Amino acid sequence: MSFDVAQTPVLQGDAVAIVGESSAAGLSGELRWLPVEPAATLDIGLLARRDNPSPAVDRLLEAAGHVADALGWV
């Protein structure tokens, strides 16, 4: 699976996309980012193997916990 930063299916009228505000930077001139009003929220979870996680996974989970705490998400 590849990531299409050009949002080609949306640009061609074949799809819509729900994306974060950060995606507004660099959009094609034919597309525009519209905020959802009122603002919407959704739960985000991380799933990782319990046994033998890699050091990278451990670091990611630790960093995610710190960020969630700092933003008051937990």
PDB file of N, CA and C in Angstrom:
ATOM      1  N   MET A   1       0.849  -1.165   0.000  1.00  0.00           N
ATOM      2  CA  MET A   1       0.000   0.000   0.000  1.00  0.00           C
ATOM      3  C   MET A   1       0.897   1.232   0.000  1.00  0.00           C
ATOM      4  N   SER A   2       0.569   2.187  -0.830  1.00  0.00           N
ATOM      5  CA  SER A   2       1.342   3.420  -0.865  1.00  0.00           C
ATOM      6  C   SER A   2       0.479   4.581  -0.389  1.00  0.00           C
ATOM      7  N   PHE A   3       1.121   5.645  -0.017  1.00  0.00           N
ATOM      8  CA  PHE A   3       0.438   6.847   0.454  1.00  0.00           C
ATOM      9  C   PHE A   3       0.450   7.874  -0.657  1.00  0.00           C
ATOM     10  N   ASP A   4      -0.720   8.293  -1.087  1.00  0.00           N
ATOM     11  CA  ASP A   4      -0.857   9.232  -2.197  1.00  0.00           C
ATOM     12  C   ASP A   4      -1.037  10.643  -1.648  1.00  0.00           C
ATOM     13  N   VAL A   5       0.060  11.393  -1.525  1.00  0.00           N
ATOM     14  CA  VAL A   5      -0.025  12.755  -0.991  1.00  0.00           C
ATOM     15  C   VAL A   5      -0.790  13.690  -1.918  1.00  0.00           C
ATOM     16  N   ALA A   6      -0.940  13.317  -3.184  1.00  0.00           N
ATOM     17  CA  ALA A   6      -1.666  14.155  -4.130  1.00  0.00           C
ATOM     18  C   ALA A   6      -3.176  13.986  -3.992  1.00  0.00           C
ATOM     19  N   GLN A   7      -3.610  13.000  -3.166  1.00  0.00           N
ATOM     20  CA  GLN A   7      -5.041  12.750  -2.985  1.00  0.00           C
ATOM     21  C   GLN A   7      -5.738  12.513  -4.326  1.00  0.00           C
ATOM     22  N   THR A   8      -5.111  11.713  -5.185  1.00  0.00           N
ATOM     23  CA  THR A   8      -5.598  11.495  -6.550  1.00  0.00           C
ATOM     24  C   THR A   8      -7.055  11.047  -6.623  1.00  0.00           C
ATOM     25  N   PRO A   9      -7.503  10.066  -5.840  1.00  0.00           N
ATOM     26  CA  PRO A   9      -8.925   9.677  -5.938  1.00  0.00           C
ATOM     27  C   PRO A   9      -9.873  10.826  -5.596  1.00  0.00           C
ATOM     28  N   VAL A  10      -9.487  11.647  -4.632  1.00  0.00           N
ATOM     29  CA  VAL A  10     -10.320  12.805  -4.278  1.00  0.00           C
ATOM     30  C   VAL A  10     -10.295  13.807  -5.421  1.00  0.00           C
ATOM     31  N   LEU A  11      -9.118  14.076  -5.946  1.00  0.00           N
ATOM     32  CA  LEU A  11      -8.956  15.025  -7.045  1.00  0.00           C
ATOM     33  C   LEU A  11      -9.770  14.605  -8.262  1.00  0.00           C
ATOM     34  N   GLN A  12      -9.849  13.286  -8.513  1.00  0.00           N
ATOM     35  CA  GLN A  12     -10.600  12.770  -9.664  1.00  0.00           C
ATOM     36  C   GLN A  12     -12.100  12.655  -9.399  1.00  0.00           C
ATOM     37  N   GLY A  13     -12.535  12.972  -8.178  1.00  0.00           N
ATOM     38  CA  GLY A  13     -13.945  12.900  -7.854  1.00  0.00           C
ATOM     39  C   GLY A  13     -14.425  11.502  -7.517  1.00  0.00           C
ATOM     40  N   ASP A  14     -13.499  10.576  -7.263  1.00  0.00           N
ATOM     41  CA  ASP A  14     -13.861   9.193  -6.964  1.00  0.00           C
ATOM     42  C   ASP A  14     -13.969   8.920  -5.468  1.00  0.00           C
ATOM     43  N   ALA A  15     -13.577   9.867  -4.628  1.00  0.00           N
ATOM     44  CA  ALA A  15     -13.563   9.623  -3.192  1.00  0.00           C
ATOM     45  C   ALA A  15     -13.610  10.936  -2.431  1.00  0.00           C
ATOM     46  N   VAL A  16     -13.898  10.832  -1.163  1.00  0.00           N
ATOM     47  CA  VAL A  16     -13.728  11.936  -0.224  1.00  0.00           C
ATOM     48  C   VAL A  16     -12.729  11.451   0.816  1.00  0.00           C
ATOM     49  N   ALA A  17     -12.130  12.347   1.548  1.00  0.00           N
ATOM     50  CA  ALA A  17     -11.155  11.953   2.553  1.00  0.00           C
ATOM     51  C   ALA A  17     -11.381  12.743   3.827  1.00  0.00           C
ATOM     52  N   ILE A  18     -11.291  12.044   4.930  1.00  0.00           N
ATOM     53  CA  ILE A  18     -11.311  12.693   6.242  1.00  0.00           C
ATOM     54  C   ILE A  18      -9.875  12.652   6.734  1.00  0.00           C
ATOM     55  N   VAL A  19      -9.269  13.817   6.826  1.00  0.00           N
ATOM     56  CA  VAL A  19      -7.850  13.903   7.150  1.00  0.00           C
ATOM     57  C   VAL A  19      -7.617  15.012   8.178  1.00  0.00           C
ATOM     58  N   GLY A  20      -6.456  14.988   8.783  1.00  0.00           N
ATOM     59  CA  GLY A  20      -6.091  16.016   9.740  1.00  0.00           C
ATOM     60  C   GLY A  20      -5.760  17.332   9.067  1.00  0.00           C
ATOM     61  N   GLU A  21      -5.823  18.393   9.852  1.00  0.00           N
ATOM     62  CA  GLU A  21      -5.566  19.740   9.327  1.00  0.00           C
ATOM     63  C   GLU A  21      -4.181  19.871   8.723  1.00  0.00           C
ATOM     64  N   SER A  22      -3.230  19.081   9.214  1.00  0.00           N
ATOM     65  CA  SER A  22      -1.870  19.178   8.690  1.00  0.00           C
ATOM     66  C   SER A  22      -1.809  18.816   7.213  1.00  0.00           C
ATOM     67  N   SER A  23      -2.802  18.101   6.715  1.00  0.00           N
ATOM     68  CA  SER A  23      -2.805  17.738   5.299  1.00  0.00           C
ATOM     69  C   SER A  23      -3.149  18.928   4.401  1.00  0.00           C
ATOM     70  N   ALA A  24      -3.615  20.019   4.980  1.00  0.00           N
ATOM     71  CA  ALA A  24      -3.967  21.196   4.184  1.00  0.00           C
ATOM     72  C   ALA A  24      -2.751  21.786   3.491  1.00  0.00           C
ATOM     73  N   ALA A  25      -1.596  21.681   4.143  1.00  0.00           N
ATOM     74  CA  ALA A  25      -0.369  22.197   3.540  1.00  0.00           C
ATOM     75  C   ALA A  25      -0.002  21.328   2.343  1.00  0.00           C
ATOM     76  N   GLY A  26       0.200  21.946   1.214  1.00  0.00           N
ATOM     77  CA  GLY A  26       0.621  21.206   0.029  1.00  0.00           C
ATOM     78  C   GLY A  26      -0.508  20.622  -0.802  1.00  0.00           C
ATOM     79  N   LEU A  27      -1.760  20.947  -0.477  1.00  0.00           N
ATOM     80  CA  LEU A  27      -2.866  20.449  -1.300  1.00  0.00           C
ATOM     81  C   LEU A  27      -2.817  21.063  -2.688  1.00  0.00           C
ATOM     82  N   SER A  28      -3.275  20.306  -3.656  1.00  0.00           N
ATOM     83  CA  SER A  28      -3.414  20.817  -5.013  1.00  0.00           C
ATOM     84  C   SER A  28      -4.329  22.039  -4.986  1.00  0.00           C
ATOM     85  N   GLY A  29      -4.130  22.961  -5.898  1.00  0.00           N
ATOM     86  CA  GLY A  29      -4.977  24.140  -5.982  1.00  0.00           C
ATOM     87  C   GLY A  29      -6.436  23.812  -6.291  1.00  0.00           C
ATOM     88  N   GLU A  30      -6.681  22.593  -6.767  1.00  0.00           N
ATOM     89  CA  GLU A  30      -8.042  22.175  -7.091  1.00  0.00           C
ATOM     90  C   GLU A  30      -8.782  21.586  -5.896  1.00  0.00           C
ATOM     91  N   LEU A  31      -8.072  21.380  -4.796  1.00  0.00           N
ATOM     92  CA  LEU A  31      -8.680  20.830  -3.595  1.00  0.00           C
ATOM     93  C   LEU A  31      -8.609  21.858  -2.488  1.00  0.00           C
ATOM     94  N   ARG A  32      -9.507  21.726  -1.525  1.00  0.00           N
ATOM     95  CA  ARG A  32      -9.411  22.584  -0.354  1.00  0.00           C
ATOM     96  C   ARG A  32      -9.772  21.775   0.875  1.00  0.00           C
ATOM     97  N   TRP A  33      -9.213  22.174   1.986  1.00  0.00           N
ATOM     98  CA  TRP A  33      -9.460  21.523   3.257  1.00  0.00           C
ATOM     99  C   TRP A  33     -10.581  22.276   3.946  1.00  0.00           C
ATOM    100  N   LEU A  34     -11.621  21.560   4.372  1.00  0.00           N
ATOM    101  CA  LEU A  34     -12.747  22.161   5.084  1.00  0.00           C
ATOM    102  C   LEU A  34     -12.832  21.555   6.474  1.00  0.00           C
ATOM    103  N   PRO A  35     -12.819  22.370   7.506  1.00  0.00           N
ATOM    104  CA  PRO A  35     -12.917  21.816   8.853  1.00  0.00           C
ATOM    105  C   PRO A  35     -14.322  21.262   9.120  1.00  0.00           C
ATOM    106  N   VAL A  36     -14.393  20.242   9.942  1.00  0.00           N
ATOM    107  CA  VAL A  36     -15.682  19.694  10.371  1.00  0.00           C
ATOM    108  C   VAL A  36     -16.189  20.604  11.478  1.00  0.00           C
ATOM    109  N   GLU A  37     -17.381  21.100  11.317  1.00  0.00           N
ATOM    110  CA  GLU A  37     -17.987  21.981  12.318  1.00  0.00           C
ATOM    111  C   GLU A  37     -19.308  21.391  12.772  1.00  0.00           C
ATOM    112  N   PRO A  38     -19.521  21.210  14.065  1.00  0.00           N
ATOM    113  CA  PRO A  38     -18.563  21.445  15.135  1.00  0.00           C
ATOM    114  C   PRO A  38     -17.439  20.418  15.068  1.00  0.00           C
ATOM    115  N   ALA A  39     -16.338  20.738  15.721  1.00  0.00           N
ATOM    116  CA  ALA A  39     -15.167  19.866  15.689  1.00  0.00           C
ATOM    117  C   ALA A  39     -15.535  18.455  16.151  1.00  0.00           C
ATOM    118  N   ALA A  40     -14.990  17.465  15.480  1.00  0.00           N
ATOM    119  CA  ALA A  40     -15.250  16.068  15.810  1.00  0.00           C
ATOM    120  C   ALA A  40     -14.045  15.469  16.515  1.00  0.00           C
ATOM    121  N   THR A  41     -14.283  14.491  17.325  1.00  0.00           N
ATOM    122  CA  THR A  41     -13.200  13.767  17.980  1.00  0.00           C
ATOM    123  C   THR A  41     -13.392  12.277  17.742  1.00  0.00           C
ATOM    124  N   LEU A  42     -12.312  11.547  17.824  1.00  0.00           N
ATOM    125  CA  LEU A  42     -12.407  10.096  17.728  1.00  0.00           C
ATOM    126  C   LEU A  42     -11.318   9.468  18.564  1.00  0.00           C
ATOM    127  N   ASP A  43     -11.618   8.283  19.063  1.00  0.00           N
ATOM    128  CA  ASP A  43     -10.636   7.559  19.870  1.00  0.00           C
ATOM    129  C   ASP A  43      -9.566   6.974  18.967  1.00  0.00           C
ATOM    130  N   ILE A  44      -8.345   7.018  19.438  1.00  0.00           N
ATOM    131  CA  ILE A  44      -7.220   6.440  18.721  1.00  0.00           C
ATOM    132  C   ILE A  44      -6.560   5.427  19.652  1.00  0.00           C
ATOM    133  N   GLY A  45      -6.288   4.258  19.133  1.00  0.00           N
ATOM    134  CA  GLY A  45      -5.623   3.239  19.928  1.00  0.00           C
ATOM    135  C   GLY A  45      -4.413   2.704  19.191  1.00  0.00           C
ATOM    136  N   LEU A  46      -3.460   2.200  19.952  1.00  0.00           N
ATOM    137  CA  LEU A  46      -2.279   1.569  19.378  1.00  0.00           C
ATOM    138  C   LEU A  46      -2.322   0.097  19.741  1.00  0.00           C
ATOM    139  N   LEU A  47      -1.987  -0.731  18.807  1.00  0.00           N
ATOM    140  CA  LEU A  47      -1.971  -2.169  19.015  1.00  0.00           C
ATOM    141  C   LEU A  47      -0.552  -2.663  18.794  1.00  0.00           C
ATOM    142  N   ALA A  48      -0.023  -3.400  19.760  1.00  0.00           N
ATOM    143  CA  ALA A  48       1.341  -3.914  19.649  1.00  0.00           C
ATOM    144  C   ALA A  48       1.389  -5.327  20.215  1.00  0.00           C
ATOM    145  N   ARG A  49       2.297  -6.091  19.711  1.00  0.00           N
ATOM    146  CA  ARG A  49       2.502  -7.451  20.202  1.00  0.00           C
ATOM    147  C   ARG A  49       2.912  -7.416  21.670  1.00  0.00           C
ATOM    148  N   ARG A  50       2.315  -8.283  22.480  1.00  0.00           N
ATOM    149  CA  ARG A  50       2.639  -8.320  23.904  1.00  0.00           C
ATOM    150  C   ARG A  50       4.013  -8.949  24.145  1.00  0.00           C
ATOM    151  N   ASP A  51       4.307 -10.035  23.451  1.00  0.00           N
ATOM    152  CA  ASP A  51       5.561 -10.757  23.657  1.00  0.00           C
ATOM    153  C   ASP A  51       6.635 -10.288  22.685  1.00  0.00           C
ATOM    154  N   ASN A  52       7.823 -10.065  23.203  1.00  0.00           N
ATOM    155  CA  ASN A  52       8.989  -9.711  22.397  1.00  0.00           C
ATOM    156  C   ASN A  52       8.809  -8.481  21.506  1.00  0.00           C
ATOM    157  N   PRO A  53       8.313  -7.368  22.050  1.00  0.00           N
ATOM    158  CA  PRO A  53       8.215  -6.171  21.193  1.00  0.00           C
ATOM    159  C   PRO A  53       9.615  -5.673  20.838  1.00  0.00           C
ATOM    160  N   SER A  54       9.735  -5.040  19.716  1.00  0.00           N
ATOM    161  CA  SER A  54      11.030  -4.491  19.314  1.00  0.00           C
ATOM    162  C   SER A  54      11.305  -3.222  20.124  1.00  0.00           C
ATOM    163  N   PRO A  55      12.552  -2.838  20.239  1.00  0.00           N
ATOM    164  CA  PRO A  55      12.885  -1.588  20.937  1.00  0.00           C
ATOM    165  C   PRO A  55      12.183  -0.375  20.311  1.00  0.00           C
ATOM    166  N   ALA A  56      12.000  -0.393  19.001  1.00  0.00           N
ATOM    167  CA  ALA A  56      11.312   0.732  18.336  1.00  0.00           C
ATOM    168  C   ALA A  56       9.859   0.817  18.796  1.00  0.00           C
ATOM    169  N   VAL A  57       9.209  -0.330  18.936  1.00  0.00           N
ATOM    170  CA  VAL A  57       7.816  -0.334  19.407  1.00  0.00           C
ATOM    171  C   VAL A  57       7.758   0.176  20.841  1.00  0.00           C
ATOM    172  N   ASP A  58       8.683  -0.283  21.677  1.00  0.00           N
ATOM    173  CA  ASP A  58       8.723   0.204  23.060  1.00  0.00           C
ATOM    174  C   ASP A  58       8.868   1.720  23.104  1.00  0.00           C
ATOM    175  N   ARG A  59       9.773   2.262  22.287  1.00  0.00           N
ATOM    176  CA  ARG A  59       9.984   3.723  22.266  1.00  0.00           C
ATOM    177  C   ARG A  59       8.737   4.449  21.770  1.00  0.00           C
ATOM    178  N   LEU A  60       8.087   3.906  20.734  1.00  0.00           N
ATOM    179  CA  LEU A  60       6.871   4.538  20.208  1.00  0.00           C
ATOM    180  C   LEU A  60       5.774   4.560  21.259  1.00  0.00           C
ATOM    181  N   LEU A  61       5.538   3.435  21.918  1.00  0.00           N
ATOM    182  CA  LEU A  61       4.486   3.376  22.932  1.00  0.00           C
ATOM    183  C   LEU A  61       4.776   4.316  24.096  1.00  0.00           C
ATOM    184  N   GLU A  62       6.037   4.393  24.491  1.00  0.00           N
ATOM    185  CA  GLU A  62       6.403   5.312  25.569  1.00  0.00           C
ATOM    186  C   GLU A  62       6.178   6.761  25.148  1.00  0.00           C
ATOM    187  N   ALA A  63       6.612   7.118  23.943  1.00  0.00           N
ATOM    188  CA  ALA A  63       6.432   8.489  23.452  1.00  0.00           C
ATOM    189  C   ALA A  63       4.949   8.817  23.301  1.00  0.00           C
ATOM    190  N   ALA A  64       4.171   7.879  22.786  1.00  0.00           N
ATOM    191  CA  ALA A  64       2.731   8.110  22.623  1.00  0.00           C
ATOM    192  C   ALA A  64       2.072   8.362  23.972  1.00  0.00           C
ATOM    193  N   GLY A  65       2.486   7.624  24.981  1.00  0.00           N
ATOM    194  CA  GLY A  65       1.943   7.846  26.322  1.00  0.00           C
ATOM    195  C   GLY A  65       2.265   9.226  26.854  1.00  0.00           C
ATOM    196  N   HIS A  66       3.513   9.673  26.652  1.00  0.00           N
ATOM    197  CA  HIS A  66       3.911  11.017  27.104  1.00  0.00           C
ATOM    198  C   HIS A  66       3.118  12.106  26.374  1.00  0.00           C
ATOM    199  N   VAL A  67       2.969  11.947  25.068  1.00  0.00           N
ATOM    200  CA  VAL A  67       2.226  12.945  24.286  1.00  0.00           C
ATOM    201  C   VAL A  67       0.761  12.980  24.720  1.00  0.00           C
ATOM    202  N   ALA A  68       0.155  11.799  24.884  1.00  0.00           N
ATOM    203  CA  ALA A  68      -1.252  11.742  25.309  1.00  0.00           C
ATOM    204  C   ALA A  68      -1.438  12.404  26.662  1.00  0.00           C
ATOM    205  N   ASP A  69      -0.504  12.155  27.596  1.00  0.00           N
ATOM    206  CA  ASP A  69      -0.563  12.806  28.910  1.00  0.00           C
ATOM    207  C   ASP A  69      -0.448  14.317  28.772  1.00  0.00           C
ATOM    208  N   ALA A  70       0.536  14.765  27.986  1.00  0.00           N
ATOM    209  CA  ALA A  70       0.779  16.207  27.840  1.00  0.00           C
ATOM    210  C   ALA A  70      -0.411  16.925  27.222  1.00  0.00           C
ATOM    211  N   LEU A  71      -1.131  16.234  26.345  1.00  0.00           N
ATOM    212  CA  LEU A  71      -2.291  16.856  25.697  1.00  0.00           C
ATOM    213  C   LEU A  71      -3.586  16.638  26.468  1.00  0.00           C
ATOM    214  N   GLY A  72      -3.496  15.942  27.588  1.00  0.00           N
ATOM    215  CA  GLY A  72      -4.687  15.719  28.412  1.00  0.00           C
ATOM    216  C   GLY A  72      -5.654  14.717  27.832  1.00  0.00           C
ATOM    217  N   TRP A  73      -5.145  13.813  27.007  1.00  0.00           N
ATOM    218  CA  TRP A  73      -6.013  12.824  26.364  1.00  0.00           C
ATOM    219  C   TRP A  73      -6.330  11.643  27.239  1.00  0.00           C
ATOM    220  N   VAL A  74      -5.539  11.422  28.277  1.00  0.00           N
ATOM    221  CA  VAL A  74      -5.771  10.283  29.180  1.00  0.00           C
ATOM    222  C   VAL A  74      -5.931  10.757  30.591  1.00  0.00           C
TER     223      VAL A  74
END
